[in-house]
Amino acid sequence: MGDPAYDLAVVTRGFRRPFKRDSGLRLLLDAYAAAGGRPLSPSRVQFFELSILAAQLECALAEGRDVQGAESRLSSILGRLGTG
């Protein structure tokens, strides 16, 4: 019912090397398509990764928790996408 790209973003969690592989996201997308899922682009998954990380940062700020980890992960993915 939801967007499968969101579900895959939950799995990858914005890591640069999902599953400790340089092509981890591509391998995940290929396996998903081979299992009968609709083809998804890496950018669609990355959109949801950004959304999830931004929400984590917002929660950390609202709750007064240390935001260094959330800031670092968000900054890292933005840098990889060429927007940071």
PDB file of N, CA and C in Angstrom:
ATOM      1  N   MET A   1       0.821  -1.190   0.000  1.00  0.00           N
ATOM      2  CA  MET A   1       0.000   0.000   0.000  1.00  0.00           C
ATOM      3  C   MET A   1       0.866   1.256   0.000  1.00  0.00           C
ATOM      4  N   GLY A   2       2.013   1.195   0.649  1.00  0.00           N
ATOM      5  CA  GLY A   2       2.893   2.353   0.681  1.00  0.00           C
ATOM      6  C   GLY A   2       3.883   2.313  -0.468  1.00  0.00           C
ATOM      7  N   ASP A   3       4.812   3.228  -0.424  1.00  0.00           N
ATOM      8  CA  ASP A   3       5.831   3.302  -1.464  1.00  0.00           C
ATOM      9  C   ASP A   3       6.971   2.355  -1.111  1.00  0.00           C
ATOM     10  N   PRO A   4       7.283   1.403  -1.975  1.00  0.00           N
ATOM     11  CA  PRO A   4       8.362   0.461  -1.671  1.00  0.00           C
ATOM     12  C   PRO A   4       9.716   1.156  -1.542  1.00  0.00           C
ATOM     13  N   ALA A   5       9.882   2.307  -2.173  1.00  0.00           N
ATOM     14  CA  ALA A   5      11.143   3.038  -2.039  1.00  0.00           C
ATOM     15  C   ALA A   5      11.345   3.477  -0.589  1.00  0.00           C
ATOM     16  N   TYR A   6      10.262   3.810   0.103  1.00  0.00           N
ATOM     17  CA  TYR A   6      10.362   4.161   1.526  1.00  0.00           C
ATOM     18  C   TYR A   6      10.844   2.949   2.329  1.00  0.00           C
ATOM     19  N   ASP A   7      10.255   1.798   2.066  1.00  0.00           N
ATOM     20  CA  ASP A   7      10.652   0.583   2.787  1.00  0.00           C
ATOM     21  C   ASP A   7      12.130   0.268   2.570  1.00  0.00           C
ATOM     22  N   LEU A   8      12.608   0.440   1.341  1.00  0.00           N
ATOM     23  CA  LEU A   8      14.013   0.178   1.060  1.00  0.00           C
ATOM     24  C   LEU A   8      14.898   1.232   1.716  1.00  0.00           C
ATOM     25  N   ALA A   9      14.416   2.460   1.831  1.00  0.00           N
ATOM     26  CA  ALA A   9      15.175   3.505   2.534  1.00  0.00           C
ATOM     27  C   ALA A   9      15.312   3.182   4.020  1.00  0.00           C
ATOM     28  N   VAL A  10      14.297   2.550   4.584  1.00  0.00           N
ATOM     29  CA  VAL A  10      14.385   2.116   5.979  1.00  0.00           C
ATOM     30  C   VAL A  10      15.490   1.077   6.116  1.00  0.00           C
ATOM     31  N   VAL A  11      15.616   0.217   5.128  1.00  0.00           N
ATOM     32  CA  VAL A  11      16.650  -0.826   5.145  1.00  0.00           C
ATOM     33  C   VAL A  11      18.044  -0.214   5.004  1.00  0.00           C
ATOM     34  N   THR A  12      18.214   0.705   4.058  1.00  0.00           N
ATOM     35  CA  THR A  12      19.548   1.260   3.790  1.00  0.00           C
ATOM     36  C   THR A  12      19.948   2.340   4.788  1.00  0.00           C
ATOM     37  N   ARG A  13      18.964   3.030   5.361  1.00  0.00           N
ATOM     38  CA  ARG A  13      19.170   4.043   6.400  1.00  0.00           C
ATOM     39  C   ARG A  13      20.172   5.133   6.031  1.00  0.00           C
ATOM     40  N   GLY A  14      20.335   5.374   4.745  1.00  0.00           N
ATOM     41  CA  GLY A  14      21.199   6.462   4.309  1.00  0.00           C
ATOM     42  C   GLY A  14      22.682   6.170   4.376  1.00  0.00           C
ATOM     43  N   PHE A  15      23.040   4.936   4.601  1.00  0.00           N
ATOM     44  CA  PHE A  15      24.461   4.609   4.664  1.00  0.00           C
ATOM     45  C   PHE A  15      25.091   4.707   3.285  1.00  0.00           C
ATOM     46  N   ARG A  16      26.325   5.178   3.237  1.00  0.00           N
ATOM     47  CA  ARG A  16      27.053   5.330   1.978  1.00  0.00           C
ATOM     48  C   ARG A  16      27.246   3.994   1.297  1.00  0.00           C
ATOM     49  N   ARG A  17      27.500   2.969   2.089  1.00  0.00           N
ATOM     50  CA  ARG A  17      27.750   1.630   1.544  1.00  0.00           C
ATOM     51  C   ARG A  17      26.789   0.633   2.194  1.00  0.00           C
ATOM     52  N   PRO A  18      25.524   0.607   1.754  1.00  0.00           N
ATOM     53  CA  PRO A  18      24.601  -0.374   2.336  1.00  0.00           C
ATOM     54  C   PRO A  18      25.160  -1.788   2.202  1.00  0.00           C
ATOM     55  N   PHE A  19      25.035  -2.543   3.241  1.00  0.00           N
ATOM     56  CA  PHE A  19      25.519  -3.927   3.283  1.00  0.00           C
ATOM     57  C   PHE A  19      27.035  -4.002   3.106  1.00  0.00           C
ATOM     58  N   LYS A  20      27.712  -2.863   3.426  1.00  0.00           N
ATOM     59  CA  LYS A  20      29.182  -2.761   3.351  1.00  0.00           C
ATOM     60  C   LYS A  20      29.707  -3.034   1.946  1.00  0.00           C
ATOM     61  N   ARG A  21      28.927  -2.616   0.954  1.00  0.00           N
ATOM     62  CA  ARG A  21      29.303  -2.795  -0.454  1.00  0.00           C
ATOM     63  C   ARG A  21      29.124  -1.464  -1.166  1.00  0.00           C
ATOM     64  N   ASP A  22      30.076  -1.134  -2.015  1.00  0.00           N
ATOM     65  CA  ASP A  22      29.978   0.122  -2.761  1.00  0.00           C
ATOM     66  C   ASP A  22      28.711   0.193  -3.594  1.00  0.00           C
ATOM     67  N   SER A  23      28.304  -0.913  -4.128  1.00  0.00           N
ATOM     68  CA  SER A  23      27.100  -0.947  -4.965  1.00  0.00           C
ATOM     69  C   SER A  23      25.907  -1.531  -4.207  1.00  0.00           C
ATOM     70  N   GLY A  24      25.898  -1.379  -2.890  1.00  0.00           N
ATOM     71  CA  GLY A  24      24.860  -1.989  -2.060  1.00  0.00           C
ATOM     72  C   GLY A  24      23.442  -1.584  -2.434  1.00  0.00           C
ATOM     73  N   LEU A  25      23.233  -0.292  -2.685  1.00  0.00           N
ATOM     74  CA  LEU A  25      21.887   0.158  -3.044  1.00  0.00           C
ATOM     75  C   LEU A  25      21.476  -0.435  -4.389  1.00  0.00           C
ATOM     76  N   ARG A  26      22.376  -0.426  -5.353  1.00  0.00           N
ATOM     77  CA  ARG A  26      22.051  -0.989  -6.670  1.00  0.00           C
ATOM     78  C   ARG A  26      21.736  -2.477  -6.546  1.00  0.00           C
ATOM     79  N   LEU A  27      22.514  -3.211  -5.746  1.00  0.00           N
ATOM     80  CA  LEU A  27      22.249  -4.644  -5.551  1.00  0.00           C
ATOM     81  C   LEU A  27      20.888  -4.868  -4.914  1.00  0.00           C
ATOM     82  N   LEU A  28      20.541  -4.034  -3.945  1.00  0.00           N
ATOM     83  CA  LEU A  28      19.232  -4.146  -3.296  1.00  0.00           C
ATOM     84  C   LEU A  28      18.108  -3.878  -4.295  1.00  0.00           C
ATOM     85  N   LEU A  29      18.265  -2.837  -5.101  1.00  0.00           N
ATOM     86  CA  LEU A  29      17.234  -2.512  -6.088  1.00  0.00           C
ATOM     87  C   LEU A  29      17.100  -3.612  -7.137  1.00  0.00           C
ATOM     88  N   ASP A  30      18.219  -4.168  -7.554  1.00  0.00           N
ATOM     89  CA  ASP A  30      18.177  -5.264  -8.531  1.00  0.00           C
ATOM     90  C   ASP A  30      17.504  -6.507  -7.939  1.00  0.00           C
ATOM     91  N   ALA A  31      17.825  -6.828  -6.696  1.00  0.00           N
ATOM     92  CA  ALA A  31      17.209  -7.990  -6.035  1.00  0.00           C
ATOM     93  C   ALA A  31      15.709  -7.764  -5.850  1.00  0.00           C
ATOM     94  N   TYR A  32      15.331  -6.541  -5.505  1.00  0.00           N
ATOM     95  CA  TYR A  32      13.917  -6.212  -5.335  1.00  0.00           C
ATOM     96  C   TYR A  32      13.167  -6.404  -6.662  1.00  0.00           C
ATOM     97  N   ALA A  33      13.740  -5.906  -7.752  1.00  0.00           N
ATOM     98  CA  ALA A  33      13.103  -6.049  -9.065  1.00  0.00           C
ATOM     99  C   ALA A  33      13.054  -7.519  -9.490  1.00  0.00           C
ATOM    100  N   ALA A  34      14.125  -8.261  -9.220  1.00  0.00           N
ATOM    101  CA  ALA A  34      14.164  -9.684  -9.592  1.00  0.00           C
ATOM    102  C   ALA A  34      13.130 -10.498  -8.818  1.00  0.00           C
ATOM    103  N   ALA A  35      12.777 -10.032  -7.632  1.00  0.00           N
ATOM    104  CA  ALA A  35      11.784 -10.734  -6.812  1.00  0.00           C
ATOM    105  C   ALA A  35      10.354 -10.352  -7.196  1.00  0.00           C
ATOM    106  N   GLY A  36      10.223  -9.508  -8.216  1.00  0.00           N
ATOM    107  CA  GLY A  36       8.893  -9.157  -8.685  1.00  0.00           C
ATOM    108  C   GLY A  36       8.461  -7.746  -8.359  1.00  0.00           C
ATOM    109  N   GLY A  37       9.306  -6.993  -7.681  1.00  0.00           N
ATOM    110  CA  GLY A  37       8.966  -5.612  -7.366  1.00  0.00           C
ATOM    111  C   GLY A  37       9.127  -4.727  -8.587  1.00  0.00           C
ATOM    112  N   ARG A  38       8.457  -3.607  -8.563  1.00  0.00           N
ATOM    113  CA  ARG A  38       8.579  -2.694  -9.695  1.00  0.00           C
ATOM    114  C   ARG A  38       9.965  -2.045  -9.679  1.00  0.00           C
ATOM    115  N   PRO A  39      10.492  -1.714 -10.829  1.00  0.00           N
ATOM    116  CA  PRO A  39      11.805  -1.064 -10.875  1.00  0.00           C
ATOM    117  C   PRO A  39      11.771   0.275 -10.141  1.00  0.00           C
ATOM    118  N   LEU A  40      12.794   0.523  -9.340  1.00  0.00           N
ATOM    119  CA  LEU A  40      12.913   1.771  -8.584  1.00  0.00           C
ATOM    120  C   LEU A  40      14.267   2.396  -8.875  1.00  0.00           C
ATOM    121  N   SER A  41      14.312   3.705  -8.898  1.00  0.00           N
ATOM    122  CA  SER A  41      15.578   4.393  -9.120  1.00  0.00           C
ATOM    123  C   SER A  41      16.266   4.639  -7.772  1.00  0.00           C
ATOM    124  N   PRO A  42      17.591   4.694  -7.787  1.00  0.00           N
ATOM    125  CA  PRO A  42      18.306   5.023  -6.556  1.00  0.00           C
ATOM    126  C   PRO A  42      17.870   6.377  -5.993  1.00  0.00           C
ATOM    127  N   SER A  43      17.589   7.339  -6.860  1.00  0.00           N
ATOM    128  CA  SER A  43      17.210   8.667  -6.371  1.00  0.00           C
ATOM    129  C   SER A  43      15.890   8.639  -5.608  1.00  0.00           C
ATOM    130  N   ARG A  44      15.004   7.736  -5.982  1.00  0.00           N
ATOM    131  CA  ARG A  44      13.727   7.630  -5.258  1.00  0.00           C
ATOM    132  C   ARG A  44      13.960   7.130  -3.832  1.00  0.00           C
ATOM    133  N   VAL A  45      14.840   6.155  -3.688  1.00  0.00           N
ATOM    134  CA  VAL A  45      15.173   5.649  -2.357  1.00  0.00           C
ATOM    135  C   VAL A  45      15.915   6.729  -1.577  1.00  0.00           C
ATOM    136  N   GLN A  46      16.833   7.432  -2.222  1.00  0.00           N
ATOM    137  CA  GLN A  46      17.608   8.474  -1.551  1.00  0.00           C
ATOM    138  C   GLN A  46      16.721   9.618  -1.065  1.00  0.00           C
ATOM    139  N   PHE A  47      15.658   9.907  -1.794  1.00  0.00           N
ATOM    140  CA  PHE A  47      14.706  10.924  -1.333  1.00  0.00           C
ATOM    141  C   PHE A  47      14.147  10.538   0.035  1.00  0.00           C
ATOM    142  N   PHE A  48      13.745   9.289   0.169  1.00  0.00           N
ATOM    143  CA  PHE A  48      13.187   8.843   1.444  1.00  0.00           C
ATOM    144  C   PHE A  48      14.263   8.721   2.520  1.00  0.00           C
ATOM    145  N   GLU A  49      15.484   8.359   2.135  1.00  0.00           N
ATOM    146  CA  GLU A  49      16.584   8.347   3.109  1.00  0.00           C
ATOM    147  C   GLU A  49      16.759   9.742   3.702  1.00  0.00           C
ATOM    148  N   LEU A  50      16.761  10.746   2.845  1.00  0.00           N
ATOM    149  CA  LEU A  50      16.878  12.128   3.318  1.00  0.00           C
ATOM    150  C   LEU A  50      15.725  12.502   4.239  1.00  0.00           C
ATOM    151  N   SER A  51      14.545  12.119   3.863  1.00  0.00           N
ATOM    152  CA  SER A  51      13.364  12.427   4.678  1.00  0.00           C
ATOM    153  C   SER A  51      13.466  11.791   6.060  1.00  0.00           C
ATOM    154  N   ILE A  52      13.886  10.542   6.094  1.00  0.00           N
ATOM    155  CA  ILE A  52      14.006   9.826   7.370  1.00  0.00           C
ATOM    156  C   ILE A  52      15.075  10.478   8.245  1.00  0.00           C
ATOM    157  N   LEU A  53      16.229  10.788   7.652  1.00  0.00           N
ATOM    158  CA  LEU A  53      17.315  11.400   8.422  1.00  0.00           C
ATOM    159  C   LEU A  53      16.934  12.797   8.909  1.00  0.00           C
ATOM    160  N   ALA A  54      16.237  13.565   8.081  1.00  0.00           N
ATOM    161  CA  ALA A  54      15.791  14.892   8.502  1.00  0.00           C
ATOM    162  C   ALA A  54      14.801  14.789   9.663  1.00  0.00           C
ATOM    163  N   ALA A  55      13.917  13.819   9.607  1.00  0.00           N
ATOM    164  CA  ALA A  55      12.952  13.620  10.701  1.00  0.00           C
ATOM    165  C   ALA A  55      13.666  13.202  11.987  1.00  0.00           C
ATOM    166  N   GLN A  56      14.697  12.378  11.868  1.00  0.00           N
ATOM    167  CA  GLN A  56      15.465  11.980  13.051  1.00  0.00           C
ATOM    168  C   GLN A  56      16.160  13.185  13.677  1.00  0.00           C
ATOM    169  N   LEU A  57      16.716  14.051  12.836  1.00  0.00           N
ATOM    170  CA  LEU A  57      17.365  15.262  13.336  1.00  0.00           C
ATOM    171  C   LEU A  57      16.345  16.169  14.015  1.00  0.00           C
ATOM    172  N   GLU A  58      15.195  16.334  13.390  1.00  0.00           N
ATOM    173  CA  GLU A  58      14.153  17.175  13.972  1.00  0.00           C
ATOM    174  C   GLU A  58      13.714  16.648  15.342  1.00  0.00           C
ATOM    175  N   CYS A  59      13.542  15.346  15.466  1.00  0.00           N
ATOM    176  CA  CYS A  59      13.153  14.746  16.753  1.00  0.00           C
ATOM    177  C   CYS A  59      14.234  14.959  17.802  1.00  0.00           C
ATOM    178  N   ALA A  60      15.479  14.762  17.416  1.00  0.00           N
ATOM    179  CA  ALA A  60      16.581  14.955  18.356  1.00  0.00           C
ATOM    180  C   ALA A  60      16.616  16.397  18.845  1.00  0.00           C
ATOM    181  N   LEU A  61      16.424  17.348  17.945  1.00  0.00           N
ATOM    182  CA  LEU A  61      16.406  18.759  18.331  1.00  0.00           C
ATOM    183  C   LEU A  61      15.233  19.058  19.265  1.00  0.00           C
ATOM    184  N   ALA A  62      14.055  18.557  18.923  1.00  0.00           N
ATOM    185  CA  ALA A  62      12.855  18.812  19.721  1.00  0.00           C
ATOM    186  C   ALA A  62      12.954  18.215  21.114  1.00  0.00           C
ATOM    187  N   GLU A  63      13.646  17.085  21.228  1.00  0.00           N
ATOM    188  CA  GLU A  63      13.772  16.405  22.515  1.00  0.00           C
ATOM    189  C   GLU A  63      15.012  16.832  23.287  1.00  0.00           C
ATOM    190  N   GLY A  64      15.791  17.751  22.719  1.00  0.00           N
ATOM    191  CA  GLY A  64      16.977  18.232  23.404  1.00  0.00           C
ATOM    192  C   GLY A  64      18.097  17.206  23.495  1.00  0.00           C
ATOM    193  N   ARG A  65      18.078  16.220  22.603  1.00  0.00           N
ATOM    194  CA  ARG A  65      19.126  15.200  22.602  1.00  0.00           C
ATOM    195  C   ARG A  65      20.315  15.664  21.786  1.00  0.00           C
ATOM    196  N   ASP A  66      21.419  14.957  21.922  1.00  0.00           N
ATOM    197  CA  ASP A  66      22.609  15.225  21.129  1.00  0.00           C
ATOM    198  C   ASP A  66      22.277  14.979  19.661  1.00  0.00           C
ATOM    199  N   VAL A  67      22.533  15.963  18.834  1.00  0.00           N
ATOM    200  CA  VAL A  67      22.177  15.860  17.424  1.00  0.00           C
ATOM    201  C   VAL A  67      23.379  15.589  16.526  1.00  0.00           C
ATOM    202  N   GLN A  68      24.551  15.451  17.127  1.00  0.00           N
ATOM    203  CA  GLN A  68      25.760  15.307  16.320  1.00  0.00           C
ATOM    204  C   GLN A  68      25.674  14.121  15.349  1.00  0.00           C
ATOM    205  N   GLY A  69      25.227  12.976  15.805  1.00  0.00           N
ATOM    206  CA  GLY A  69      25.129  11.810  14.928  1.00  0.00           C
ATOM    207  C   GLY A  69      24.142  12.023  13.800  1.00  0.00           C
ATOM    208  N   ALA A  70      22.980  12.569  14.112  1.00  0.00           N
ATOM    209  CA  ALA A  70      21.958  12.813  13.090  1.00  0.00           C
ATOM    210  C   ALA A  70      22.441  13.876  12.101  1.00  0.00           C
ATOM    211  N   GLU A  71      23.073  14.928  12.604  1.00  0.00           N
ATOM    212  CA  GLU A  71      23.610  15.966  11.723  1.00  0.00           C
ATOM    213  C   GLU A  71      24.677  15.402  10.798  1.00  0.00           C
ATOM    214  N   SER A  72      25.535  14.579  11.361  1.00  0.00           N
ATOM    215  CA  SER A  72      26.627  14.000  10.593  1.00  0.00           C
ATOM    216  C   SER A  72      26.104  13.111   9.466  1.00  0.00           C
ATOM    217  N   ARG A  73      25.133  12.254   9.761  1.00  0.00           N
ATOM    218  CA  ARG A  73      24.585  11.360   8.738  1.00  0.00           C
ATOM    219  C   ARG A  73      23.851  12.144   7.658  1.00  0.00           C
ATOM    220  N   LEU A  74      23.109  13.170   8.057  1.00  0.00           N
ATOM    221  CA  LEU A  74      22.392  13.984   7.081  1.00  0.00           C
ATOM    222  C   LEU A  74      23.389  14.752   6.208  1.00  0.00           C
ATOM    223  N   SER A  75      24.406  15.325   6.806  1.00  0.00           N
ATOM    224  CA  SER A  75      25.427  16.045   6.058  1.00  0.00           C
ATOM    225  C   SER A  75      26.157  15.118   5.088  1.00  0.00           C
ATOM    226  N   SER A  76      26.420  13.906   5.534  1.00  0.00           N
ATOM    227  CA  SER A  76      27.123  12.940   4.692  1.00  0.00           C
ATOM    228  C   SER A  76      26.324  12.589   3.447  1.00  0.00           C
ATOM    229  N   ILE A  77      25.053  12.299   3.609  1.00  0.00           N
ATOM    230  CA  ILE A  77      24.250  11.928   2.440  1.00  0.00           C
ATOM    231  C   ILE A  77      24.046  13.128   1.520  1.00  0.00           C
ATOM    232  N   LEU A  78      23.897  14.320   2.075  1.00  0.00           N
ATOM    233  CA  LEU A  78      23.765  15.510   1.233  1.00  0.00           C
ATOM    234  C   LEU A  78      25.045  15.730   0.426  1.00  0.00           C
ATOM    235  N   GLY A  79      26.189  15.497   1.052  1.00  0.00           N
ATOM    236  CA  GLY A  79      27.469  15.631   0.358  1.00  0.00           C
ATOM    237  C   GLY A  79      27.594  14.638  -0.780  1.00  0.00           C
ATOM    238  N   ARG A  80      27.180  13.396  -0.538  1.00  0.00           N
ATOM    239  CA  ARG A  80      27.248  12.366  -1.580  1.00  0.00           C
ATOM    240  C   ARG A  80      26.341  12.693  -2.754  1.00  0.00           C
ATOM    241  N   LEU A  81      25.240  13.362  -2.466  1.00  0.00           N
ATOM    242  CA  LEU A  81      24.302  13.708  -3.533  1.00  0.00           C
ATOM    243  C   LEU A  81      24.688  15.001  -4.224  1.00  0.00           C
ATOM    244  N   GLY A  82      25.764  15.630  -3.745  1.00  0.00           N
ATOM    245  CA  GLY A  82      26.241  16.853  -4.365  1.00  0.00           C
ATOM    246  C   GLY A  82      25.446  18.086  -4.000  1.00  0.00           C
ATOM    247  N   THR A  83      24.711  18.019  -2.871  1.00  0.00           N
ATOM    248  CA  THR A  83      23.902  19.155  -2.463  1.00  0.00           C
ATOM    249  C   THR A  83      24.387  19.769  -1.167  1.00  0.00           C
ATOM    250  N   GLY A  84      25.390  19.165  -0.554  1.00  0.00           N
ATOM    251  CA  GLY A  84      25.846  19.652   0.748  1.00  0.00           C
ATOM    252  C   GLY A  84      27.098  20.372   0.599  1.00  0.00           C
TER     253      GLY A  84
END
